[in-house]
């Protein structure tokens, strides 16, 4: 697996993490992807994508360890990126747009004017049919991704800066400053609220009912969504925590944290003994001011993740048309992309030329 982190210093760091006794972390790459600080990062089974204050999205091929291209649709800082499986990417930015990208050809399939202000956060439902977004216009918006249109708008009292679906898609949470509101999907109403002292910088569902919350301090807190009670808290870093990532590997719940102190740390969380402090598996000092974090999983983890996504989305793929309805222009090309298009044109032209020859030959054979 690869620990991937963006920084104020415009650098994307990659560290190969190898589970074992003990875990080991080795520097793998540093990629100067942008001309301004990185603001967000997302991963799928093949790519890492980064968003920046330079208004671009950079694509990095993790299997080949090479830069793959750039997406230039937005005008404004890229604030959020999220993949849906291997097929689509959603991006949001300060220009108020949400863009839907096809990750096979990297086309911008649809560009939606989502918010009157900035898009601050977005989250895709596990089914791939819905997405939620929040912005600086004090609204929470539900998007029908099958038809590529707005489905519902809810006015909020303040600007929310984080929104997240639970893994089972039965609930979602919004974050406004230092407060987490928990919503049920069926009723779209708040069923509970969690409040901490500091502004919340990052939030992650560990399970359907357990949240990991990081504020603008050094502490990670685990809360129950059902009772809204703190299950455990511990000091993870020497400075404010910027991002949390989590995944399950062979029954082990792994938490990864990135901080302004420059450290990326990997923790083991025992859900059966959640009141005990998580144990530190490994750490690495990037010597940079980190801003965002993701984990690119190895092939074994990818197969499990993809099989789970396939199970939830197979019926949707059979019953519904693709999750976009209108194609836009290609926003970037690389050499391989041009060769592919050129090859397609040549094949079509060749078929047009060969068709009359085949008819002529067939006519000659029949006359004989």
Foldseek 3Di string as FASTA:
>chain_A
DWKWFWFQVQKIWIWDWDVDVFIDIHTDDIDNFDPGGWAEWEDEQFWIWTWAQRQKIWIAGPVVRGTDWIFRPGDGGWQEWYDQHQFWIWTFGQQQWIFIAGNVLRFRFDIDNHDPGGWQEKEAALQNQWMWTFGQVQKIWIAGLLEGGTDDIDGHPGGWRYKYAANNRQWIWTFDFFKIFIAGPVVRDTPDMAGDDAGWQEKDHLHNFWIWTFGQFQKIWIAGNNVSDTLEMDGHDHGGWRYKDWDADPNWIKIWTQAQQQKIWIWTADPVPNHDDTHTSDMDGRVGRTHYIDDNDDPVRNVVVNVVSCVSHVVVPVPGDPSGDGTDDNRIDDPVSVVVVVVVVVVVVVCVVCVVVVVVVVVVVVVD
